[in-house]
């Protein structure tokens, strides 16, 4: 028995009538938070370049897949073998340059072919080329993927200067919206600006989610430095003022630049 088969068998026993009460009461919906949490923990371990942690977190994520597959099997919908077959068939079908007629393609050509094949596979031919992006995905990621998909069909800017100009235009429109004091208009223009910035990020080859996560990390490190310096002087955030905190913040910026 392989280790994967062992995992499937363990999950089957946990879900059996004489199995674990907690595992038996779970549903596809009740497991959603755990699927999300395990996915984020995998990402954290990759960001930290921690291979030991990555191995463990991938195992936790794999458990979620086996868990859902076992529940579906109990209802007669599908099993883990069907899941494996589905992705295997998909990979073969969408890589004709490997499994059918060998071809030397660039990564961009492979991506373009993937989207073209995906469109041909759709049972509902009226379905949009933008379908397939989860509605529940974070807005930043969803915007990025929508733009990526549209760009693969030629709906894209020609040069980065045009994208930057669009972002600057959205800033001007946001300023105008602020002057109207209309919360609905301000919200709309902020959405336009965020979408334009994501587009600029994508066009320049930067993943906006990764860029923002790095900024979040930088902000945390610098803010903690401010807290530390205040504590060393016998103060807390409540005892300080903006000028003092800003001074320590600038110190943190200088220190981080020197350490690079």
C-alpha atoms as a PDB file:
ATOM      1  CA  UNK A   1       0.000   0.000   0.000  1.00  0.00           C
ATOM      2  CA  UNK A   2       1.373   3.407  -0.989  1.00  0.00           C
ATOM      3  CA  UNK A   3       1.362   6.295   1.465  1.00  0.00           C
ATOM      4  CA  UNK A   4      -1.356   7.979  -0.594  1.00  0.00           C
ATOM      5  CA  UNK A   5      -3.537   4.862  -0.441  1.00  0.00           C
ATOM      6  CA  UNK A   6      -2.892   4.726   3.301  1.00  0.00           C
ATOM      7  CA  UNK A   7      -4.125   8.319   3.657  1.00  0.00           C
ATOM      8  CA  UNK A   8      -7.300   7.528   1.700  1.00  0.00           C
ATOM      9  CA  UNK A   9      -7.948   4.475   3.887  1.00  0.00           C
ATOM     10  CA  UNK A  10      -7.394   6.476   7.102  1.00  0.00           C
ATOM     11  CA  UNK A  11      -9.905   9.078   5.911  1.00  0.00           C
ATOM     12  CA  UNK A  12     -12.423   6.358   5.053  1.00  0.00           C
ATOM     13  CA  UNK A  13     -12.140   4.936   8.586  1.00  0.00           C
ATOM     14  CA  UNK A  14     -12.491   8.367  10.166  1.00  0.00           C
ATOM     15  CA  UNK A  15     -15.728   8.916   8.235  1.00  0.00           C
ATOM     16  CA  UNK A  16     -17.104   5.420   8.925  1.00  0.00           C
ATOM     17  CA  UNK A  17     -20.046   4.959  11.371  1.00  0.00           C
ATOM     18  CA  UNK A  18     -17.620   3.827  14.068  1.00  0.00           C
ATOM     19  CA  UNK A  19     -15.138   6.566  13.168  1.00  0.00           C
ATOM     20  CA  UNK A  20     -14.401  10.025  14.584  1.00  0.00           C
ATOM     21  CA  UNK A  21     -17.491  12.048  15.618  1.00  0.00           C
ATOM     22  CA  UNK A  22     -15.955  15.327  14.455  1.00  0.00           C
ATOM     23  CA  UNK A  23     -14.941  14.002  11.034  1.00  0.00           C
ATOM     24  CA  UNK A  24     -18.322  12.336  10.544  1.00  0.00           C
ATOM     25  CA  UNK A  25     -20.310  15.540  11.110  1.00  0.00           C
ATOM     26  CA  UNK A  26     -18.349  17.629   8.580  1.00  0.00           C
ATOM     27  CA  UNK A  27     -19.816  18.751   5.256  1.00  0.00           C
ATOM     28  CA  UNK A  28     -18.319  20.318   2.140  1.00  0.00           C
ATOM     29  CA  UNK A  29     -19.397  23.756   3.373  1.00  0.00           C
ATOM     30  CA  UNK A  30     -18.180  23.289   6.946  1.00  0.00           C
ATOM     31  CA  UNK A  31     -14.690  22.510   5.639  1.00  0.00           C
ATOM     32  CA  UNK A  32     -14.377  25.700   3.565  1.00  0.00           C
ATOM     33  CA  UNK A  33     -12.548  27.661   6.309  1.00  0.00           C
ATOM     34  CA  UNK A  34     -10.040  24.817   6.734  1.00  0.00           C
ATOM     35  CA  UNK A  35      -9.369  24.630   2.983  1.00  0.00           C
ATOM     36  CA  UNK A  36      -8.684  28.369   2.911  1.00  0.00           C
ATOM     37  CA  UNK A  37      -6.509  28.268   6.030  1.00  0.00           C
ATOM     38  CA  UNK A  38      -4.411  25.362   4.757  1.00  0.00           C
ATOM     39  CA  UNK A  39      -3.935  27.085   1.404  1.00  0.00           C
ATOM     40  CA  UNK A  40      -2.680  30.254   3.076  1.00  0.00           C
ATOM     41  CA  UNK A  41      -0.335  28.223   5.291  1.00  0.00           C
ATOM     42  CA  UNK A  42       1.152  26.585   2.191  1.00  0.00           C
ATOM     43  CA  UNK A  43       1.742  30.058   0.743  1.00  0.00           C
ATOM     44  CA  UNK A  44       3.365  31.226   3.994  1.00  0.00           C
ATOM     45  CA  UNK A  45       5.792  28.301   3.974  1.00  0.00           C
ATOM     46  CA  UNK A  46       6.732  29.061   0.350  1.00  0.00           C
ATOM     47  CA  UNK A  47       7.263  32.740   1.199  1.00  0.00           C
ATOM     48  CA  UNK A  48       9.472  31.674   4.124  1.00  0.00           C
ATOM     49  CA  UNK A  49      11.421  29.212   1.908  1.00  0.00           C
ATOM     50  CA  UNK A  50      10.808  26.606   4.638  1.00  0.00           C
ATOM     51  CA  UNK A  51      10.812  23.244   2.876  1.00  0.00           C
ATOM     52  CA  UNK A  52      10.112  21.237   6.034  1.00  0.00           C
ATOM     53  CA  UNK A  53       7.081  23.373   6.755  1.00  0.00           C
ATOM     54  CA  UNK A  54       6.012  23.246   3.105  1.00  0.00           C
ATOM     55  CA  UNK A  55       6.020  19.443   3.168  1.00  0.00           C
ATOM     56  CA  UNK A  56       3.824  19.470   6.270  1.00  0.00           C
ATOM     57  CA  UNK A  57       1.432  22.119   4.956  1.00  0.00           C
ATOM     58  CA  UNK A  58       1.053  20.376   1.595  1.00  0.00           C
ATOM     59  CA  UNK A  59       0.057  17.280   3.559  1.00  0.00           C
ATOM     60  CA  UNK A  60      -2.592  19.283   5.399  1.00  0.00           C
ATOM     61  CA  UNK A  61      -3.895  20.628   2.094  1.00  0.00           C
ATOM     62  CA  UNK A  62      -3.900  17.147   0.569  1.00  0.00           C
ATOM     63  CA  UNK A  63      -5.982  15.959   3.507  1.00  0.00           C
ATOM     64  CA  UNK A  64      -8.660  18.481   2.591  1.00  0.00           C
ATOM     65  CA  UNK A  65      -8.825  17.093  -0.959  1.00  0.00           C
ATOM     66  CA  UNK A  66      -9.063  13.531   0.303  1.00  0.00           C
ATOM     67  CA  UNK A  67     -11.667  14.599   2.885  1.00  0.00           C
ATOM     68  CA  UNK A  68     -13.940  16.198   0.263  1.00  0.00           C
ATOM     69  CA  UNK A  69     -13.469  13.251  -2.075  1.00  0.00           C
ATOM     70  CA  UNK A  70     -14.439  10.771   0.652  1.00  0.00           C
ATOM     71  CA  UNK A  71     -17.624  12.683   1.450  1.00  0.00           C
ATOM     72  CA  UNK A  72     -18.517  12.819  -2.251  1.00  0.00           C
ATOM     73  CA  UNK A  73     -17.852   9.085  -2.541  1.00  0.00           C
ATOM     74  CA  UNK A  74     -20.285   8.382   0.306  1.00  0.00           C
ATOM     75  CA  UNK A  75     -22.981  10.247  -1.622  1.00  0.00           C
ATOM     76  CA  UNK A  76     -22.168   8.412  -4.848  1.00  0.00           C
ATOM     77  CA  UNK A  77     -21.013  11.590  -6.621  1.00  0.00           C
ATOM     78  CA  UNK A  78     -17.322  10.827  -7.259  1.00  0.00           C
ATOM     79  CA  UNK A  79     -14.242   9.450  -5.502  1.00  0.00           C
ATOM     80  CA  UNK A  80     -10.565  10.318  -5.262  1.00  0.00           C
ATOM     81  CA  UNK A  81      -9.800   8.206  -8.347  1.00  0.00           C
ATOM     82  CA  UNK A  82     -12.260  10.314 -10.357  1.00  0.00           C
ATOM     83  CA  UNK A  83     -10.542  13.463  -9.100  1.00  0.00           C
ATOM     84  CA  UNK A  84      -7.133  12.158 -10.183  1.00  0.00           C
ATOM     85  CA  UNK A  85      -8.471  11.013 -13.554  1.00  0.00           C
ATOM     86  CA  UNK A  86     -10.099  14.387 -14.182  1.00  0.00           C
ATOM     87  CA  UNK A  87      -6.924  16.383 -13.663  1.00  0.00           C
ATOM     88  CA  UNK A  88      -4.782  13.851 -15.535  1.00  0.00           C
ATOM     89  CA  UNK A  89      -7.080  13.990 -18.568  1.00  0.00           C
ATOM     90  CA  UNK A  90      -7.104  17.775 -18.416  1.00  0.00           C
ATOM     91  CA  UNK A  91      -3.303  18.016 -18.289  1.00  0.00           C
ATOM     92  CA  UNK A  92      -2.887  15.694 -21.264  1.00  0.00           C
ATOM     93  CA  UNK A  93      -5.543  17.478 -23.314  1.00  0.00           C
ATOM     94  CA  UNK A  94      -4.147  20.941 -22.596  1.00  0.00           C
ATOM     95  CA  UNK A  95      -0.551  19.974 -23.342  1.00  0.00           C
ATOM     96  CA  UNK A  96      -0.835  18.671 -26.920  1.00  0.00           C
ATOM     97  CA  UNK A  97       2.722  19.928 -27.551  1.00  0.00           C
ATOM     98  CA  UNK A  98       3.910  17.274 -25.086  1.00  0.00           C
ATOM     99  CA  UNK A  99       1.474  14.356 -25.305  1.00  0.00           C
ATOM    100  CA  UNK A 100       0.294  14.543 -28.933  1.00  0.00           C
ATOM    101  CA  UNK A 101       2.395  16.331 -31.512  1.00  0.00           C
ATOM    102  CA  UNK A 102       5.687  17.523 -30.053  1.00  0.00           C
ATOM    103  CA  UNK A 103       6.273  21.243 -30.470  1.00  0.00           C
ATOM    104  CA  UNK A 104       8.818  23.712 -29.129  1.00  0.00           C
ATOM    105  CA  UNK A 105       6.655  26.461 -27.614  1.00  0.00           C
ATOM    106  CA  UNK A 106       7.407  29.465 -25.447  1.00  0.00           C
ATOM    107  CA  UNK A 107       5.699  29.760 -22.040  1.00  0.00           C
ATOM    108  CA  UNK A 108       3.437  32.511 -23.464  1.00  0.00           C
ATOM    109  CA  UNK A 109       2.410  30.281 -26.362  1.00  0.00           C
ATOM    110  CA  UNK A 110       1.630  27.464 -23.945  1.00  0.00           C
ATOM    111  CA  UNK A 111      -0.581  29.787 -21.891  1.00  0.00           C
ATOM    112  CA  UNK A 112      -2.376  31.033 -25.011  1.00  0.00           C
ATOM    113  CA  UNK A 113      -3.012  27.469 -26.192  1.00  0.00           C
ATOM    114  CA  UNK A 114      -4.270  26.509 -22.719  1.00  0.00           C
ATOM    115  CA  UNK A 115      -6.941  29.221 -22.852  1.00  0.00           C
ATOM    116  CA  UNK A 116      -7.936  28.339 -26.420  1.00  0.00           C
ATOM    117  CA  UNK A 117      -8.320  24.649 -25.555  1.00  0.00           C
ATOM    118  CA  UNK A 118     -10.212  25.574 -22.395  1.00  0.00           C
ATOM    119  CA  UNK A 119     -12.709  27.548 -24.486  1.00  0.00           C
ATOM    120  CA  UNK A 120     -13.214  24.624 -26.861  1.00  0.00           C
ATOM    121  CA  UNK A 121     -13.843  22.304 -23.908  1.00  0.00           C
ATOM    122  CA  UNK A 122     -16.740  24.368 -22.583  1.00  0.00           C
ATOM    123  CA  UNK A 123     -20.082  22.631 -22.939  1.00  0.00           C
ATOM    124  CA  UNK A 124     -21.893  25.980 -22.869  1.00  0.00           C
ATOM    125  CA  UNK A 125     -20.451  27.792 -25.882  1.00  0.00           C
ATOM    126  CA  UNK A 126     -22.107  31.045 -24.797  1.00  0.00           C
ATOM    127  CA  UNK A 127     -20.026  31.074 -21.616  1.00  0.00           C
ATOM    128  CA  UNK A 128     -17.611  33.991 -21.319  1.00  0.00           C
ATOM    129  CA  UNK A 129     -13.877  33.623 -21.796  1.00  0.00           C
ATOM    130  CA  UNK A 130     -13.619  35.274 -18.367  1.00  0.00           C
ATOM    131  CA  UNK A 131     -15.483  32.460 -16.626  1.00  0.00           C
ATOM    132  CA  UNK A 132     -13.648  30.097 -14.319  1.00  0.00           C
ATOM    133  CA  UNK A 133     -12.324  32.744 -11.944  1.00  0.00           C
ATOM    134  CA  UNK A 134     -13.844  32.056  -8.517  1.00  0.00           C
ATOM    135  CA  UNK A 135     -16.367  34.694  -7.389  1.00  0.00           C
ATOM    136  CA  UNK A 136     -15.109  34.231  -3.823  1.00  0.00           C
ATOM    137  CA  UNK A 137     -11.468  34.908  -4.716  1.00  0.00           C
ATOM    138  CA  UNK A 138      -9.914  38.011  -3.112  1.00  0.00           C
ATOM    139  CA  UNK A 139     -10.765  41.078  -5.192  1.00  0.00           C
ATOM    140  CA  UNK A 140      -7.119  41.887  -5.916  1.00  0.00           C
ATOM    141  CA  UNK A 141      -6.430  38.392  -7.233  1.00  0.00           C
ATOM    142  CA  UNK A 142      -9.681  38.316  -9.187  1.00  0.00           C
ATOM    143  CA  UNK A 143      -8.887  41.617 -10.924  1.00  0.00           C
ATOM    144  CA  UNK A 144      -5.430  40.285 -11.839  1.00  0.00           C
ATOM    145  CA  UNK A 145      -6.819  37.063 -13.296  1.00  0.00           C
ATOM    146  CA  UNK A 146      -9.585  38.859 -15.231  1.00  0.00           C
ATOM    147  CA  UNK A 147      -6.991  41.103 -16.845  1.00  0.00           C
ATOM    148  CA  UNK A 148      -4.713  38.157 -17.591  1.00  0.00           C
ATOM    149  CA  UNK A 149      -7.488  36.263 -19.340  1.00  0.00           C
ATOM    150  CA  UNK A 150      -8.556  39.248 -21.428  1.00  0.00           C
ATOM    151  CA  UNK A 151      -4.930  39.967 -22.390  1.00  0.00           C
ATOM    152  CA  UNK A 152      -4.465  36.429 -23.686  1.00  0.00           C
ATOM    153  CA  UNK A 153      -7.036  37.206 -26.359  1.00  0.00           C
ATOM    154  CA  UNK A 154      -5.323  40.450 -27.381  1.00  0.00           C
ATOM    155  CA  UNK A 155      -7.416  42.796 -25.220  1.00  0.00           C
ATOM    156  CA  UNK A 156      -4.510  44.635 -23.647  1.00  0.00           C
ATOM    157  CA  UNK A 157      -2.470  47.818 -23.627  1.00  0.00           C
ATOM    158  CA  UNK A 158       0.417  48.261 -26.046  1.00  0.00           C
ATOM    159  CA  UNK A 159       2.924  49.840 -23.662  1.00  0.00           C
ATOM    160  CA  UNK A 160       3.322  50.434 -19.932  1.00  0.00           C
ATOM    161  CA  UNK A 161       3.253  54.203 -20.336  1.00  0.00           C
ATOM    162  CA  UNK A 162      -0.388  53.956 -21.464  1.00  0.00           C
ATOM    163  CA  UNK A 163      -1.302  51.897 -18.420  1.00  0.00           C
ATOM    164  CA  UNK A 164       0.430  54.369 -16.108  1.00  0.00           C
ATOM    165  CA  UNK A 165      -1.388  57.234 -17.800  1.00  0.00           C
ATOM    166  CA  UNK A 166      -4.675  55.410 -17.169  1.00  0.00           C
ATOM    167  CA  UNK A 167      -3.815  55.073 -13.463  1.00  0.00           C
ATOM    168  CA  UNK A 168      -3.009  58.797 -13.316  1.00  0.00           C
ATOM    169  CA  UNK A 169      -6.332  59.549 -15.009  1.00  0.00           C
ATOM    170  CA  UNK A 170      -8.127  57.503 -12.344  1.00  0.00           C
ATOM    171  CA  UNK A 171      -6.358  59.506  -9.606  1.00  0.00           C
ATOM    172  CA  UNK A 172      -7.626  62.747 -11.177  1.00  0.00           C
ATOM    173  CA  UNK A 173     -11.153  61.347 -11.351  1.00  0.00           C
ATOM    174  CA  UNK A 174     -10.925  60.237  -7.728  1.00  0.00           C
ATOM    175  CA  UNK A 175      -9.959  63.782  -6.701  1.00  0.00           C
ATOM    176  CA  UNK A 176     -13.005  65.095  -8.565  1.00  0.00           C
ATOM    177  CA  UNK A 177     -15.224  62.520  -6.847  1.00  0.00           C
ATOM    178  CA  UNK A 178     -13.889  63.537  -3.428  1.00  0.00           C
ATOM    179  CA  UNK A 179     -14.851  67.142  -4.189  1.00  0.00           C
ATOM    180  CA  UNK A 180     -18.453  66.045  -4.887  1.00  0.00           C
ATOM    181  CA  UNK A 181     -18.560  64.395  -1.441  1.00  0.00           C
ATOM    182  CA  UNK A 182     -20.520  61.505  -2.968  1.00  0.00           C
ATOM    183  CA  UNK A 183     -19.601  58.259  -1.166  1.00  0.00           C
ATOM    184  CA  UNK A 184     -20.947  56.160  -4.053  1.00  0.00           C
ATOM    185  CA  UNK A 185     -18.860  58.050  -6.607  1.00  0.00           C
ATOM    186  CA  UNK A 186     -15.766  57.920  -4.391  1.00  0.00           C
ATOM    187  CA  UNK A 187     -16.161  54.163  -3.983  1.00  0.00           C
ATOM    188  CA  UNK A 188     -16.515  53.742  -7.750  1.00  0.00           C
ATOM    189  CA  UNK A 189     -13.416  55.803  -8.499  1.00  0.00           C
ATOM    190  CA  UNK A 190     -11.327  54.012  -5.863  1.00  0.00           C
ATOM    191  CA  UNK A 191     -12.362  50.742  -7.513  1.00  0.00           C
ATOM    192  CA  UNK A 192     -11.301  52.118 -10.901  1.00  0.00           C
ATOM    193  CA  UNK A 193      -7.966  53.245  -9.458  1.00  0.00           C
ATOM    194  CA  UNK A 194      -7.256  49.897  -7.804  1.00  0.00           C
ATOM    195  CA  UNK A 195      -8.132  48.074 -11.028  1.00  0.00           C
ATOM    196  CA  UNK A 196      -5.784  50.361 -12.987  1.00  0.00           C
ATOM    197  CA  UNK A 197      -2.933  49.791 -10.510  1.00  0.00           C
ATOM    198  CA  UNK A 198      -3.437  46.026 -10.726  1.00  0.00           C
ATOM    199  CA  UNK A 199      -3.336  46.341 -14.511  1.00  0.00           C
ATOM    200  CA  UNK A 200      -0.075  48.298 -14.336  1.00  0.00           C
ATOM    201  CA  UNK A 201       1.381  45.686 -11.998  1.00  0.00           C
ATOM    202  CA  UNK A 202       0.377  42.857 -14.336  1.00  0.00           C
ATOM    203  CA  UNK A 203       1.715  44.671 -17.400  1.00  0.00           C
ATOM    204  CA  UNK A 204       5.088  45.161 -15.682  1.00  0.00           C
ATOM    205  CA  UNK A 205       5.269  41.478 -14.737  1.00  0.00           C
ATOM    206  CA  UNK A 206       4.637  41.970 -11.028  1.00  0.00           C
ATOM    207  CA  UNK A 207       2.121  39.902  -9.082  1.00  0.00           C
ATOM    208  CA  UNK A 208       0.106  42.553  -7.181  1.00  0.00           C
ATOM    209  CA  UNK A 209      -0.831  40.121  -4.404  1.00  0.00           C
ATOM    210  CA  UNK A 210       2.841  39.350  -3.777  1.00  0.00           C
ATOM    211  CA  UNK A 211       3.796  43.024  -3.982  1.00  0.00           C
ATOM    212  CA  UNK A 212       1.102  44.018  -1.492  1.00  0.00           C
ATOM    213  CA  UNK A 213       2.019  41.176   0.853  1.00  0.00           C
ATOM    214  CA  UNK A 214       5.637  42.361   0.840  1.00  0.00           C
ATOM    215  CA  UNK A 215       4.420  45.881   1.628  1.00  0.00           C
ATOM    216  CA  UNK A 216       2.294  44.517   4.484  1.00  0.00           C
ATOM    217  CA  UNK A 217       5.349  42.743   5.879  1.00  0.00           C
ATOM    218  CA  UNK A 218       7.426  45.917   5.547  1.00  0.00           C
ATOM    219  CA  UNK A 219       4.734  47.953   7.314  1.00  0.00           C
ATOM    220  CA  UNK A 220       4.547  45.464  10.192  1.00  0.00           C
ATOM    221  CA  UNK A 221       8.334  45.442  10.643  1.00  0.00           C
ATOM    222  CA  UNK A 222       8.575  49.233  10.668  1.00  0.00           C
ATOM    223  CA  UNK A 223       5.590  49.717  12.951  1.00  0.00           C
ATOM    224  CA  UNK A 224       6.999  47.183  15.389  1.00  0.00           C
ATOM    225  CA  UNK A 225      10.252  49.145  15.340  1.00  0.00           C
ATOM    226  CA  UNK A 226       8.271  52.254  16.317  1.00  0.00           C
ATOM    227  CA  UNK A 227       6.639  50.332  19.174  1.00  0.00           C
ATOM    228  CA  UNK A 228      10.022  49.017  20.306  1.00  0.00           C
ATOM    229  CA  UNK A 229      11.667  52.462  20.312  1.00  0.00           C
ATOM    230  CA  UNK A 230       8.749  53.949  22.216  1.00  0.00           C
ATOM    231  CA  UNK A 231       8.932  51.147  24.788  1.00  0.00           C
ATOM    232  CA  UNK A 232      12.662  51.779  25.226  1.00  0.00           C
ATOM    233  CA  UNK A 233      11.860  55.366  26.114  1.00  0.00           C
ATOM    234  CA  UNK A 234       9.187  54.242  28.566  1.00  0.00           C
ATOM    235  CA  UNK A 235       6.262  55.134  26.324  1.00  0.00           C
ATOM    236  CA  UNK A 236       3.401  53.402  24.545  1.00  0.00           C
ATOM    237  CA  UNK A 237       1.569  54.309  21.346  1.00  0.00           C
ATOM    238  CA  UNK A 238      -1.059  56.117  23.415  1.00  0.00           C
ATOM    239  CA  UNK A 239       1.617  58.279  25.072  1.00  0.00           C
ATOM    240  CA  UNK A 240       3.222  59.310  21.788  1.00  0.00           C
ATOM    241  CA  UNK A 241       2.312  61.691  18.973  1.00  0.00           C
ATOM    242  CA  UNK A 242       2.513  61.556  15.191  1.00  0.00           C
ATOM    243  CA  UNK A 243       5.754  63.546  14.989  1.00  0.00           C
ATOM    244  CA  UNK A 244       7.583  61.184  17.346  1.00  0.00           C
ATOM    245  CA  UNK A 245       6.202  58.050  15.717  1.00  0.00           C
ATOM    246  CA  UNK A 246       7.072  59.391  12.270  1.00  0.00           C
ATOM    247  CA  UNK A 247      10.648  60.007  13.410  1.00  0.00           C
ATOM    248  CA  UNK A 248      11.066  56.397  14.524  1.00  0.00           C
ATOM    249  CA  UNK A 249       9.350  55.243  11.314  1.00  0.00           C
ATOM    250  CA  UNK A 250      11.958  57.054   9.230  1.00  0.00           C
ATOM    251  CA  UNK A 251      14.698  55.451  11.334  1.00  0.00           C
ATOM    252  CA  UNK A 252      13.226  52.056  10.528  1.00  0.00           C
ATOM    253  CA  UNK A 253      13.219  52.917   6.807  1.00  0.00           C
ATOM    254  CA  UNK A 254      16.884  53.886   6.886  1.00  0.00           C
ATOM    255  CA  UNK A 255      17.855  50.733   8.808  1.00  0.00           C
ATOM    256  CA  UNK A 256      15.981  48.463   6.378  1.00  0.00           C
ATOM    257  CA  UNK A 257      17.634  50.102   3.369  1.00  0.00           C
ATOM    258  CA  UNK A 258      21.096  49.709   4.894  1.00  0.00           C
ATOM    259  CA  UNK A 259      20.466  46.019   5.576  1.00  0.00           C
ATOM    260  CA  UNK A 260      19.764  45.311   1.909  1.00  0.00           C
END
